[in-house]
Amino acid sequence: MIRNDDVFKIGIFNKPHGVKGELQLTFTDDIFDRSECDYIICKIDGLLVPFFIENYRFKSDTTALFKLEGIDTAERARSLVNAEIYFPKKYAETIPLSELTWNSFIGYRVTGDEYGYLGEITNVENSTINTLFIIDNSEKQFLVPAQEDFILDLNQKDRTMLMHLPDGLLDLDKTESIDER
């Protein structure tokens, strides 16, 4: 049985493609293309179900068309629409750090060496010149530069990251009125 702790989310099947059972995957991490794993995991009715990959091809930087074993008709493909897609952590651990993209860190739990637990990386903002991690916890959202120099330790197995952030970086959104100075 596959447990939630053994996988991490990489995307969602959002629509079927054609009549032979292909599905369009919108992904946050293309780790399936950089590992030796020959299956992905779909969450169906709360259960994690593995599906072997027959083939896939990229449609864009964030979408790919997948053909899965046993899914041979448009009707069967439609049954997987909106299914969340997961990847086994054990295969992610074998990818060299040099091959990881910033999006590979979505789902990592981040701790600041001077701040303590900050939250989980929920997205990566790369529409500006500086790539940013979007880190959420139950109270706040932080934007932290995705910089190798800030990463002190990385544990691929546990999907955790220890960062050293410049003084005051997390306080940038706090504004002080003129009267308070």
N, C-alpha and C. Protein backbone atom coordinates (compact mmCIF):
# COMPACT_ATOMS: atom_id res chain seq x y z
N MET A 1 0.84 -1.18 0.00
CA MET A 1 0.00 0.00 0.00
C MET A 1 0.89 1.24 0.00
N ILE A 2 0.55 2.20 -0.83
CA ILE A 2 1.30 3.45 -0.92
C ILE A 2 0.75 4.41 0.12
N ARG A 3 1.66 5.01 0.88
CA ARG A 3 1.26 5.97 1.92
C ARG A 3 1.52 7.39 1.45
N ASN A 4 0.77 8.33 2.01
CA ASN A 4 0.95 9.75 1.67
C ASN A 4 2.37 10.21 1.93
N ASP A 5 3.02 9.68 2.96
CA ASP A 5 4.38 10.08 3.30
C ASP A 5 5.41 9.59 2.29
N ASP A 6 5.02 8.67 1.42
CA ASP A 6 5.95 8.09 0.44
C ASP A 6 5.94 8.83 -0.90
N VAL A 7 5.06 9.83 -1.06
CA VAL A 7 4.89 10.50 -2.34
C VAL A 7 4.81 12.01 -2.16
N PHE A 8 4.94 12.72 -3.26
CA PHE A 8 4.69 14.17 -3.25
C PHE A 8 3.97 14.53 -4.55
N LYS A 9 3.15 15.56 -4.46
CA LYS A 9 2.31 15.96 -5.58
C LYS A 9 3.14 16.66 -6.65
N ILE A 10 2.88 16.27 -7.91
CA ILE A 10 3.58 16.93 -9.02
C ILE A 10 2.61 17.55 -10.03
N GLY A 11 1.31 17.31 -9.90
CA GLY A 11 0.40 17.90 -10.86
C GLY A 11 -1.00 17.33 -10.80
N ILE A 12 -1.72 17.55 -11.90
CA ILE A 12 -3.11 17.09 -11.99
C ILE A 12 -3.43 16.78 -13.46
N PHE A 13 -4.19 15.70 -13.67
CA PHE A 13 -4.71 15.42 -15.00
C PHE A 13 -5.90 16.34 -15.20
N ASN A 14 -5.84 17.20 -16.23
CA ASN A 14 -6.93 18.15 -16.36
C ASN A 14 -7.86 17.90 -17.54
N LYS A 15 -7.45 17.07 -18.51
CA LYS A 15 -8.40 16.72 -19.57
C LYS A 15 -7.85 15.58 -20.40
N PRO A 16 -8.76 14.82 -21.03
CA PRO A 16 -8.32 13.78 -21.95
C PRO A 16 -7.85 14.42 -23.25
N HIS A 17 -7.07 13.66 -24.01
CA HIS A 17 -6.56 14.14 -25.30
C HIS A 17 -6.75 13.03 -26.32
N GLY A 18 -7.58 13.28 -27.29
CA GLY A 18 -7.82 12.28 -28.33
C GLY A 18 -8.75 11.17 -27.87
N VAL A 19 -8.77 10.08 -28.65
CA VAL A 19 -9.71 8.99 -28.38
C VAL A 19 -9.01 7.71 -27.91
N LYS A 20 -7.69 7.74 -27.78
CA LYS A 20 -6.96 6.53 -27.42
C LYS A 20 -6.48 6.51 -25.97
N GLY A 21 -7.07 7.38 -25.14
CA GLY A 21 -6.77 7.32 -23.71
C GLY A 21 -5.66 8.21 -23.22
N GLU A 22 -5.17 9.13 -24.04
CA GLU A 22 -4.14 10.05 -23.55
C GLU A 22 -4.77 11.07 -22.61
N LEU A 23 -3.95 11.54 -21.67
CA LEU A 23 -4.39 12.55 -20.71
C LEU A 23 -3.40 13.70 -20.68
N GLN A 24 -3.92 14.90 -20.50
CA GLN A 24 -3.05 16.06 -20.35
C GLN A 24 -2.76 16.26 -18.86
N LEU A 25 -1.48 16.28 -18.55
CA LEU A 25 -1.02 16.52 -17.18
C LEU A 25 -0.48 17.93 -17.09
N THR A 26 -1.02 18.72 -16.19
CA THR A 26 -0.44 20.01 -15.86
C THR A 26 0.42 19.77 -14.63
N PHE A 27 1.72 20.02 -14.76
CA PHE A 27 2.64 19.64 -13.70
C PHE A 27 3.40 20.84 -13.13
N THR A 28 3.82 20.69 -11.90
CA THR A 28 4.68 21.68 -11.25
C THR A 28 6.12 21.20 -11.23
N ASP A 29 6.32 19.92 -11.51
CA ASP A 29 7.66 19.33 -11.48
C ASP A 29 7.73 18.26 -12.56
N ASP A 30 8.72 18.36 -13.43
CA ASP A 30 8.88 17.36 -14.50
C ASP A 30 9.84 16.24 -14.07
N ILE A 31 9.81 15.91 -12.80
CA ILE A 31 10.70 14.89 -12.26
C ILE A 31 10.52 13.55 -12.95
N PHE A 32 9.35 13.28 -13.47
CA PHE A 32 9.10 12.02 -14.19
C PHE A 32 10.01 11.89 -15.40
N ASP A 33 10.49 13.01 -15.92
CA ASP A 33 11.37 13.01 -17.09
C ASP A 33 12.84 12.86 -16.70
N ARG A 34 13.15 13.04 -15.44
CA ARG A 34 14.55 13.01 -14.99
C ARG A 34 14.86 11.84 -14.06
N SER A 35 13.96 10.89 -13.98
CA SER A 35 14.20 9.76 -13.07
C SER A 35 14.01 8.44 -13.81
N GLU A 36 14.35 7.39 -13.14
CA GLU A 36 14.22 6.04 -13.71
C GLU A 36 12.88 5.39 -13.35
N CYS A 37 12.00 6.13 -12.73
CA CYS A 37 10.71 5.59 -12.31
C CYS A 37 9.81 5.43 -13.54
N ASP A 38 9.16 4.27 -13.64
CA ASP A 38 8.33 4.01 -14.81
C ASP A 38 6.83 4.08 -14.50
N TYR A 39 6.49 4.71 -13.38
CA TYR A 39 5.08 4.86 -13.03
C TYR A 39 4.85 6.19 -12.32
N ILE A 40 3.59 6.60 -12.32
CA ILE A 40 3.14 7.74 -11.53
C ILE A 40 2.00 7.25 -10.65
N ILE A 41 1.58 8.08 -9.74
CA ILE A 41 0.55 7.68 -8.79
C ILE A 41 -0.59 8.68 -8.86
N CYS A 42 -1.81 8.17 -9.02
CA CYS A 42 -3.01 9.01 -9.07
C CYS A 42 -3.79 8.84 -7.78
N LYS A 43 -4.33 9.95 -7.29
CA LYS A 43 -5.22 9.87 -6.12
C LYS A 43 -6.63 9.73 -6.65
N ILE A 44 -7.22 8.55 -6.39
CA ILE A 44 -8.56 8.24 -6.85
C ILE A 44 -9.40 7.87 -5.64
N ASP A 45 -10.45 8.63 -5.40
CA ASP A 45 -11.33 8.40 -4.24
C ASP A 45 -10.54 8.29 -2.94
N GLY A 46 -9.51 9.12 -2.80
CA GLY A 46 -8.71 9.14 -1.59
C GLY A 46 -7.62 8.09 -1.52
N LEU A 47 -7.55 7.20 -2.50
CA LEU A 47 -6.54 6.15 -2.53
C LEU A 47 -5.44 6.49 -3.53
N LEU A 48 -4.22 6.13 -3.20
CA LEU A 48 -3.09 6.34 -4.10
C LEU A 48 -2.90 5.09 -4.95
N VAL A 49 -3.10 5.25 -6.27
CA VAL A 49 -3.10 4.13 -7.20
C VAL A 49 -1.99 4.33 -8.23
N PRO A 50 -1.06 3.36 -8.34
CA PRO A 50 0.01 3.50 -9.34
C PRO A 50 -0.48 3.15 -10.75
N PHE A 51 0.06 3.87 -11.74
CA PHE A 51 -0.20 3.60 -13.15
C PHE A 51 1.14 3.60 -13.87
N PHE A 52 1.41 2.56 -14.64
CA PHE A 52 2.63 2.51 -15.42
C PHE A 52 2.49 3.41 -16.64
N ILE A 53 3.58 4.08 -16.95
CA ILE A 53 3.61 5.02 -18.06
C ILE A 53 4.00 4.27 -19.33
N GLU A 54 3.13 4.31 -20.35
CA GLU A 54 3.49 3.76 -21.66
C GLU A 54 4.40 4.74 -22.38
N ASN A 55 3.98 5.99 -22.41
CA ASN A 55 4.81 7.06 -22.98
C ASN A 55 4.23 8.40 -22.59
N TYR A 56 4.99 9.44 -22.85
CA TYR A 56 4.54 10.81 -22.63
C TYR A 56 5.32 11.71 -23.57
N ARG A 57 4.75 12.86 -23.80
CA ARG A 57 5.45 13.87 -24.59
C ARG A 57 5.06 15.24 -24.04
N PHE A 58 6.01 16.14 -24.10
CA PHE A 58 5.76 17.48 -23.58
C PHE A 58 4.97 18.29 -24.58
N LYS A 59 4.02 19.03 -24.07
CA LYS A 59 3.21 19.93 -24.88
C LYS A 59 3.69 21.38 -24.66
N SER A 60 4.12 21.68 -23.44
CA SER A 60 4.66 23.00 -23.09
C SER A 60 5.56 22.83 -21.88
N ASP A 61 5.98 23.95 -21.29
CA ASP A 61 6.84 23.89 -20.10
C ASP A 61 6.11 23.36 -18.88
N THR A 62 4.79 23.37 -18.89
CA THR A 62 4.02 22.95 -17.72
C THR A 62 2.98 21.88 -18.03
N THR A 63 2.94 21.40 -19.27
CA THR A 63 1.97 20.35 -19.60
C THR A 63 2.63 19.25 -20.42
N ALA A 64 2.12 18.05 -20.22
CA ALA A 64 2.59 16.88 -20.97
C ALA A 64 1.39 15.99 -21.25
N LEU A 65 1.46 15.25 -22.36
CA LEU A 65 0.43 14.29 -22.70
C LEU A 65 0.92 12.91 -22.30
N PHE A 66 0.13 12.21 -21.48
CA PHE A 66 0.50 10.91 -20.94
C PHE A 66 -0.37 9.81 -21.50
N LYS A 67 0.24 8.69 -21.79
CA LYS A 67 -0.46 7.47 -22.14
C LYS A 67 -0.10 6.46 -21.06
N LEU A 68 -1.11 6.00 -20.32
CA LEU A 68 -0.92 5.07 -19.21
C LEU A 68 -1.39 3.68 -19.60
N GLU A 69 -0.72 2.67 -19.06
CA GLU A 69 -1.15 1.28 -19.29
C GLU A 69 -2.57 1.09 -18.76
N GLY A 70 -3.40 0.42 -19.55
CA GLY A 70 -4.76 0.11 -19.13
C GLY A 70 -5.76 1.22 -19.38
N ILE A 71 -5.30 2.37 -19.82
CA ILE A 71 -6.20 3.48 -20.16
C ILE A 71 -6.15 3.63 -21.68
N ASP A 72 -7.13 2.98 -22.36
CA ASP A 72 -7.08 2.88 -23.82
C ASP A 72 -8.21 3.59 -24.54
N THR A 73 -9.13 4.20 -23.79
CA THR A 73 -10.24 4.89 -24.44
C THR A 73 -10.41 6.28 -23.82
N ALA A 74 -11.09 7.14 -24.57
CA ALA A 74 -11.37 8.49 -24.05
C ALA A 74 -12.22 8.41 -22.79
N GLU A 75 -13.13 7.44 -22.74
CA GLU A 75 -14.00 7.29 -21.57
C GLU A 75 -13.19 6.93 -20.33
N ARG A 76 -12.25 6.00 -20.45
CA ARG A 76 -11.40 5.64 -19.29
C ARG A 76 -10.52 6.81 -18.90
N ALA A 77 -10.04 7.56 -19.88
CA ALA A 77 -9.22 8.74 -19.59
C ALA A 77 -10.03 9.78 -18.83
N ARG A 78 -11.29 9.98 -19.24
CA ARG A 78 -12.15 10.96 -18.55
C ARG A 78 -12.33 10.61 -17.08
N SER A 79 -12.27 9.33 -16.75
CA SER A 79 -12.43 8.95 -15.34
C SER A 79 -11.27 9.43 -14.46
N LEU A 80 -10.15 9.82 -15.09
CA LEU A 80 -9.00 10.32 -14.34
C LEU A 80 -8.87 11.84 -14.35
N VAL A 81 -9.77 12.52 -15.05
CA VAL A 81 -9.72 13.98 -15.09
C VAL A 81 -9.88 14.52 -13.67
N ASN A 82 -9.06 15.49 -13.33
CA ASN A 82 -8.98 16.13 -12.01
C ASN A 82 -8.32 15.27 -10.95
N ALA A 83 -7.78 14.13 -11.33
CA ALA A 83 -7.04 13.31 -10.37
C ALA A 83 -5.69 13.98 -10.10
N GLU A 84 -5.36 14.10 -8.82
CA GLU A 84 -4.05 14.63 -8.44
C GLU A 84 -3.00 13.58 -8.74
N ILE A 85 -1.83 14.03 -9.22
CA ILE A 85 -0.76 13.12 -9.62
C ILE A 85 0.41 13.28 -8.66
N TYR A 86 0.91 12.14 -8.21
CA TYR A 86 2.00 12.11 -7.24
C TYR A 86 3.18 11.32 -7.81
N PHE A 87 4.33 11.53 -7.17
CA PHE A 87 5.56 10.85 -7.57
C PHE A 87 6.20 10.24 -6.33
N PRO A 88 6.76 9.02 -6.43
CA PRO A 88 7.37 8.39 -5.26
C PRO A 88 8.66 9.09 -4.84
N LYS A 89 8.74 9.42 -3.57
CA LYS A 89 9.91 10.11 -3.02
C LYS A 89 11.20 9.31 -3.23
N LYS A 90 11.11 7.98 -3.16
CA LYS A 90 12.34 7.18 -3.25
C LYS A 90 13.06 7.37 -4.58
N TYR A 91 12.33 7.69 -5.65
CA TYR A 91 12.97 7.94 -6.94
C TYR A 91 13.50 9.36 -7.03
N ALA A 92 12.90 10.27 -6.31
CA ALA A 92 13.38 11.66 -6.31
C ALA A 92 14.74 11.76 -5.63
N GLU A 93 14.99 10.90 -4.68
CA GLU A 93 16.26 10.92 -3.93
C GLU A 93 17.45 10.57 -4.80
N THR A 94 17.21 9.89 -5.91
CA THR A 94 18.30 9.43 -6.75
C THR A 94 18.72 10.46 -7.81
N ILE A 95 17.98 11.55 -7.90
CA ILE A 95 18.30 12.57 -8.90
C ILE A 95 19.38 13.48 -8.33
N PRO A 96 20.47 13.67 -9.06
CA PRO A 96 21.53 14.56 -8.57
C PRO A 96 21.00 15.99 -8.38
N LEU A 97 21.48 16.64 -7.34
CA LEU A 97 21.04 18.01 -7.06
C LEU A 97 21.22 18.94 -8.25
N SER A 98 22.25 18.69 -9.04
CA SER A 98 22.51 19.56 -10.20
C SER A 98 21.41 19.48 -11.25
N GLU A 99 20.59 18.43 -11.21
CA GLU A 99 19.52 18.27 -12.19
C GLU A 99 18.17 18.74 -11.68
N LEU A 100 18.10 19.19 -10.43
CA LEU A 100 16.84 19.65 -9.88
C LEU A 100 16.54 21.06 -10.39
N THR A 101 15.28 21.32 -10.67
CA THR A 101 14.85 22.66 -11.04
C THR A 101 14.27 23.33 -9.80
N TRP A 102 14.05 24.63 -9.84
CA TRP A 102 13.44 25.30 -8.68
C TRP A 102 12.07 24.72 -8.39
N ASN A 103 11.31 24.35 -9.42
CA ASN A 103 9.99 23.76 -9.20
C ASN A 103 10.07 22.43 -8.48
N SER A 104 11.22 21.78 -8.51
CA SER A 104 11.39 20.50 -7.81
C SER A 104 11.21 20.66 -6.30
N PHE A 105 11.34 21.89 -5.82
CA PHE A 105 11.28 22.11 -4.38
C PHE A 105 9.87 22.40 -3.87
N ILE A 106 8.89 22.44 -4.76
CA ILE A 106 7.51 22.60 -4.30
C ILE A 106 7.17 21.41 -3.42
N GLY A 107 6.63 21.70 -2.26
CA GLY A 107 6.30 20.65 -1.29
C GLY A 107 7.36 20.48 -0.21
N TYR A 108 8.52 21.09 -0.38
CA TYR A 108 9.56 21.02 0.66
C TYR A 108 9.14 21.86 1.86
N ARG A 109 9.45 21.39 3.06
CA ARG A 109 9.24 22.14 4.29
C ARG A 109 10.51 22.91 4.59
N VAL A 110 10.36 24.22 4.83
CA VAL A 110 11.51 25.10 4.96
C VAL A 110 11.66 25.60 6.40
N THR A 111 12.89 25.53 6.87
CA THR A 111 13.25 26.07 8.18
C THR A 111 14.34 27.10 7.97
N GLY A 112 14.21 28.22 8.66
CA GLY A 112 15.26 29.24 8.63
C GLY A 112 16.18 29.02 9.81
N ASP A 113 17.48 29.08 9.61
CA ASP A 113 18.41 28.79 10.71
C ASP A 113 18.21 29.75 11.88
N GLU A 114 17.75 30.97 11.63
CA GLU A 114 17.54 31.92 12.72
C GLU A 114 16.05 32.16 12.99
N TYR A 115 15.16 31.66 12.14
CA TYR A 115 13.73 31.94 12.26
C TYR A 115 12.92 30.73 12.71
N GLY A 116 13.46 29.54 12.57
CA GLY A 116 12.68 28.34 12.84
C GLY A 116 11.85 27.95 11.64
N TYR A 117 10.80 27.16 11.88
CA TYR A 117 9.98 26.65 10.79
C TYR A 117 9.26 27.80 10.09
N LEU A 118 9.40 27.89 8.78
CA LEU A 118 8.76 28.94 7.99
C LEU A 118 7.49 28.46 7.30
N GLY A 119 7.49 27.22 6.82
CA GLY A 119 6.33 26.69 6.13
C GLY A 119 6.75 25.79 4.98
N GLU A 120 5.82 25.60 4.07
CA GLU A 120 6.04 24.71 2.93
C GLU A 120 6.08 25.53 1.65
N ILE A 121 6.98 25.17 0.75
CA ILE A 121 7.04 25.82 -0.55
C ILE A 121 5.83 25.34 -1.35
N THR A 122 4.94 26.28 -1.67
CA THR A 122 3.72 25.91 -2.38
C THR A 122 3.76 26.27 -3.86
N ASN A 123 4.71 27.15 -4.21
CA ASN A 123 4.81 27.55 -5.61
C ASN A 123 6.15 28.23 -5.83
N VAL A 124 6.50 28.41 -7.08
CA VAL A 124 7.71 29.13 -7.46
C VAL A 124 7.31 30.22 -8.42
N GLU A 125 7.68 31.43 -8.11
CA GLU A 125 7.38 32.58 -8.96
C GLU A 125 8.61 32.90 -9.80
N ASN A 126 8.49 32.69 -11.11
CA ASN A 126 9.65 32.95 -11.96
C ASN A 126 9.31 33.88 -13.12
N SER A 127 8.31 34.72 -12.91
CA SER A 127 7.94 35.67 -13.95
C SER A 127 8.79 36.95 -13.88
N THR A 128 9.60 37.07 -12.85
CA THR A 128 10.49 38.23 -12.72
C THR A 128 11.93 37.76 -12.87
N ILE A 129 12.85 38.69 -12.86
CA ILE A 129 14.25 38.34 -13.02
C ILE A 129 14.76 37.49 -11.85
N ASN A 130 14.20 37.70 -10.66
CA ASN A 130 14.58 36.92 -9.48
C ASN A 130 13.52 35.87 -9.20
N THR A 131 13.92 34.61 -9.23
CA THR A 131 13.00 33.51 -8.93
C THR A 131 12.75 33.50 -7.42
N LEU A 132 11.48 33.33 -7.04
CA LEU A 132 11.10 33.36 -5.63
C LEU A 132 10.38 32.08 -5.25
N PHE A 133 10.68 31.58 -4.03
CA PHE A 133 9.88 30.52 -3.43
C PHE A 133 8.69 31.19 -2.75
N ILE A 134 7.51 30.64 -2.94
CA ILE A 134 6.34 31.08 -2.18
C ILE A 134 6.17 30.06 -1.07
N ILE A 135 6.35 30.52 0.16
CA ILE A 135 6.32 29.64 1.33
C ILE A 135 5.09 30.00 2.15
N ASP A 136 4.25 28.99 2.40
CA ASP A 136 3.02 29.19 3.18
C ASP A 136 3.09 28.42 4.48
N ASN A 137 2.61 29.06 5.52
CA ASN A 137 2.29 28.33 6.75
C ASN A 137 0.87 28.74 7.13
N SER A 138 0.36 28.27 8.21
CA SER A 138 -1.04 28.53 8.53
C SER A 138 -1.32 30.00 8.83
N GLU A 139 -0.28 30.79 9.09
CA GLU A 139 -0.48 32.18 9.48
C GLU A 139 -0.09 33.19 8.41
N LYS A 140 0.86 32.84 7.55
CA LYS A 140 1.44 33.84 6.67
C LYS A 140 2.03 33.22 5.42
N GLN A 141 2.23 34.06 4.43
CA GLN A 141 2.91 33.64 3.21
C GLN A 141 4.18 34.48 3.07
N PHE A 142 5.28 33.83 2.73
CA PHE A 142 6.56 34.50 2.55
C PHE A 142 7.02 34.35 1.11
N LEU A 143 7.68 35.38 0.60
CA LEU A 143 8.36 35.31 -0.68
C LEU A 143 9.84 35.34 -0.37
N VAL A 144 10.53 34.27 -0.74
CA VAL A 144 11.95 34.13 -0.42
C VAL A 144 12.71 33.87 -1.72
N PRO A 145 13.79 34.60 -1.94
CA PRO A 145 14.57 34.37 -3.16
C PRO A 145 15.06 32.92 -3.24
N ALA A 146 14.91 32.33 -4.40
CA ALA A 146 15.42 30.98 -4.64
C ALA A 146 16.89 31.14 -5.05
N GLN A 147 17.75 31.07 -4.07
CA GLN A 147 19.18 31.27 -4.28
C GLN A 147 19.94 30.12 -3.65
N GLU A 148 20.83 29.50 -4.41
CA GLU A 148 21.64 28.40 -3.86
C GLU A 148 22.41 28.84 -2.63
N ASP A 149 22.88 30.10 -2.61
CA ASP A 149 23.66 30.60 -1.48
C ASP A 149 22.88 30.59 -0.18
N PHE A 150 21.55 30.66 -0.25
CA PHE A 150 20.73 30.70 0.96
C PHE A 150 20.44 29.30 1.51
N ILE A 151 20.64 28.27 0.71
CA ILE A 151 20.31 26.90 1.13
C ILE A 151 21.50 26.29 1.85
N LEU A 152 21.30 26.02 3.15
CA LEU A 152 22.36 25.43 3.96
C LEU A 152 22.34 23.91 3.90
N ASP A 153 21.14 23.34 3.89
CA ASP A 153 21.02 21.88 3.90
C ASP A 153 19.75 21.49 3.16
N LEU A 154 19.82 20.38 2.48
CA LEU A 154 18.70 19.89 1.70
C LEU A 154 18.59 18.39 1.94
N ASN A 155 17.40 17.93 2.32
CA ASN A 155 17.18 16.51 2.52
C ASN A 155 16.11 16.07 1.54
N GLN A 156 16.55 15.42 0.46
CA GLN A 156 15.61 15.00 -0.58
C GLN A 156 14.65 13.93 -0.07
N LYS A 157 15.13 13.07 0.80
CA LYS A 157 14.28 11.99 1.30
C LYS A 157 13.11 12.55 2.12
N ASP A 158 13.41 13.46 3.03
CA ASP A 158 12.36 14.04 3.88
C ASP A 158 11.72 15.27 3.27
N ARG A 159 12.27 15.73 2.13
CA ARG A 159 11.80 16.94 1.45
C ARG A 159 11.79 18.14 2.40
N THR A 160 12.96 18.37 3.01
CA THR A 160 13.14 19.50 3.89
C THR A 160 14.32 20.34 3.42
N MET A 161 14.28 21.62 3.76
CA MET A 161 15.32 22.55 3.37
C MET A 161 15.62 23.47 4.56
N LEU A 162 16.90 23.65 4.84
CA LEU A 162 17.35 24.60 5.85
C LEU A 162 17.96 25.78 5.11
N MET A 163 17.47 26.98 5.41
CA MET A 163 17.95 28.17 4.72
C MET A 163 18.54 29.18 5.70
N HIS A 164 19.52 29.91 5.24
CA HIS A 164 20.03 31.08 5.97
C HIS A 164 19.60 32.30 5.18
N LEU A 165 18.70 33.08 5.77
CA LEU A 165 18.16 34.24 5.08
C LEU A 165 18.79 35.52 5.63
N PRO A 166 19.04 36.48 4.76
CA PRO A 166 19.62 37.75 5.22
C PRO A 166 18.74 38.40 6.29
N ASP A 167 19.37 39.07 7.22
CA ASP A 167 18.64 39.76 8.28
C ASP A 167 17.60 40.70 7.68
N GLY A 168 16.40 40.66 8.21
CA GLY A 168 15.34 41.56 7.80
C GLY A 168 14.56 41.13 6.57
N LEU A 169 14.98 40.09 5.89
CA LEU A 169 14.30 39.68 4.66
C LEU A 169 12.83 39.35 4.90
N LEU A 170 12.54 38.66 5.98
CA LEU A 170 11.15 38.27 6.25
C LEU A 170 10.33 39.42 6.81
N ASP A 171 10.98 40.52 7.16
CA ASP A 171 10.28 41.68 7.71
C ASP A 171 10.00 42.74 6.66
N LEU A 172 10.32 42.49 5.40
CA LEU A 172 10.17 43.50 4.35
C LEU A 172 8.73 43.95 4.17
N ASP A 173 7.77 43.08 4.47
CA ASP A 173 6.38 43.49 4.27
C ASP A 173 5.82 44.30 5.44
N LYS A 174 6.59 44.37 6.52
CA LYS A 174 6.15 45.17 7.65
C LYS A 174 6.51 46.63 7.38
N THR A 175 5.53 47.49 7.40
CA THR A 175 5.81 48.90 7.15
C THR A 175 5.64 49.68 8.44
N GLU A 176 6.42 50.69 8.54
CA GLU A 176 6.42 51.51 9.75
C GLU A 176 5.95 52.89 9.36
N SER A 177 4.95 53.38 10.06
CA SER A 177 4.48 54.72 9.71
C SER A 177 5.47 55.76 10.20
N ILE A 178 5.38 56.95 9.63
CA ILE A 178 6.30 58.03 10.01
C ILE A 178 6.16 58.35 11.49
N ASP A 179 4.94 58.29 12.04
CA ASP A 179 4.72 58.64 13.44
C ASP A 179 5.37 57.64 14.39
N GLU A 180 5.57 56.39 13.94
CA GLU A 180 6.13 55.36 14.81
C GLU A 180 7.64 55.46 14.90
N ARG A 181 8.28 56.21 14.03
CA ARG A 181 9.75 56.30 14.04
C ARG A 181 10.27 57.14 15.12
